Amino acid sequence: MTVGSPEREKIKVDPNNVRKIREGLLMSKAELARRAKLSVLTIDRVEKGLACRMDTKRKIILSLGLKLSDRDKVFKI
């Protein structure tokens, strides 16, 4: 171990449940992007937890077959 680079455990924390829900529906990123009228790159960024607009979140939630009231199940606050 060198100074300035401490070893850290790599713990995967999902910033949201988009990927989990999408995969549970056996849906590809491309299919979700098509249904939501978004790019695959946007879906990838959202699944990685990068910031997105409320309209993007709305499109994703509805494209997953959920209600807008289910937003807390998809996106963590």
Protein backbone atom coordinates (compact mmCIF):
# COMPACT_ATOMS: atom_id res chain seq x y z
CA MET A 1 0.00 0.00 0.00
CA THR A 2 1.38 3.41 -0.94
CA VAL A 3 0.90 6.70 0.84
CA GLY A 4 -2.13 8.61 -0.42
CA SER A 5 -3.92 5.60 -1.87
CA PRO A 6 -5.66 3.73 0.94
CA GLU A 7 -7.19 0.39 0.10
CA ARG A 8 -10.95 0.54 0.12
CA GLU A 9 -13.56 -2.14 -0.07
CA LYS A 10 -15.49 -1.92 -3.30
CA ILE A 11 -19.12 -1.91 -2.33
CA LYS A 12 -21.64 -1.51 -5.13
CA VAL A 13 -24.39 0.87 -4.15
CA ASP A 14 -27.18 1.31 -6.66
CA PRO A 15 -28.06 4.99 -6.97
CA ASN A 16 -31.49 4.00 -8.26
CA ASN A 17 -33.49 0.92 -9.18
CA VAL A 18 -33.86 1.57 -12.91
CA ARG A 19 -31.52 -1.23 -13.97
CA LYS A 20 -32.95 -3.70 -11.46
CA ILE A 21 -36.52 -3.04 -12.59
CA ARG A 22 -35.58 -3.02 -16.28
CA GLU A 23 -33.74 -6.33 -16.03
CA GLY A 24 -36.62 -7.79 -14.00
CA LEU A 25 -38.85 -7.01 -16.96
CA LEU A 26 -36.30 -8.68 -19.29
CA MET A 27 -35.97 -5.35 -21.10
CA SER A 28 -32.79 -4.16 -22.77
CA LYS A 29 -31.45 -0.64 -22.43
CA ALA A 30 -32.25 -0.13 -26.10
CA GLU A 31 -35.88 -1.17 -25.58
CA LEU A 32 -36.29 1.13 -22.57
CA ALA A 33 -34.69 3.98 -24.51
CA ARG A 34 -37.05 3.39 -27.44
CA ARG A 35 -40.13 3.28 -25.23
CA ALA A 36 -39.07 6.39 -23.31
CA LYS A 37 -37.96 8.22 -26.47
CA LEU A 38 -34.51 8.72 -24.94
CA SER A 39 -31.04 7.70 -26.05
CA VAL A 40 -29.36 4.53 -24.82
CA LEU A 41 -26.58 6.77 -23.51
CA THR A 42 -29.11 8.64 -21.36
CA ILE A 43 -30.45 5.37 -19.94
CA ASP A 44 -26.88 4.26 -19.20
CA ARG A 45 -26.12 7.53 -17.40
CA VAL A 46 -29.32 7.35 -15.35
CA GLU A 47 -28.57 3.75 -14.33
CA LYS A 48 -25.12 4.89 -13.18
CA GLY A 49 -26.74 7.50 -10.95
CA LEU A 50 -25.86 10.62 -12.88
CA ALA A 51 -28.22 13.57 -12.59
CA CYS A 52 -31.09 13.84 -15.02
CA ARG A 53 -34.08 16.06 -15.59
CA MET A 54 -37.46 15.40 -14.00
CA ASP A 55 -38.93 14.87 -17.47
CA THR A 56 -36.38 12.12 -18.10
CA LYS A 57 -37.33 10.42 -14.83
CA ARG A 58 -41.01 10.69 -15.74
CA LYS A 59 -40.43 9.09 -19.15
CA ILE A 60 -38.44 6.24 -17.61
CA ILE A 61 -41.00 5.54 -14.88
CA LEU A 62 -43.88 5.40 -17.35
CA SER A 63 -41.86 3.33 -19.84
CA LEU A 64 -41.23 0.75 -17.13
CA GLY A 65 -45.00 0.36 -16.82
CA LEU A 66 -45.16 2.08 -13.45
CA LYS A 67 -47.20 4.99 -12.11
CA LEU A 68 -45.65 8.35 -11.32
CA SER A 69 -46.57 7.72 -7.68
CA ASP A 70 -44.05 4.83 -7.77
CA ARG A 71 -41.14 7.25 -8.30
CA ASP A 72 -39.69 6.55 -4.85
CA LYS A 73 -39.43 2.85 -5.76
CA VAL A 74 -37.40 3.74 -8.85
CA PHE A 75 -35.35 6.78 -7.87
CA LYS A 76 -33.82 7.17 -4.44
CA ILE A 77 -33.97 10.62 -2.98
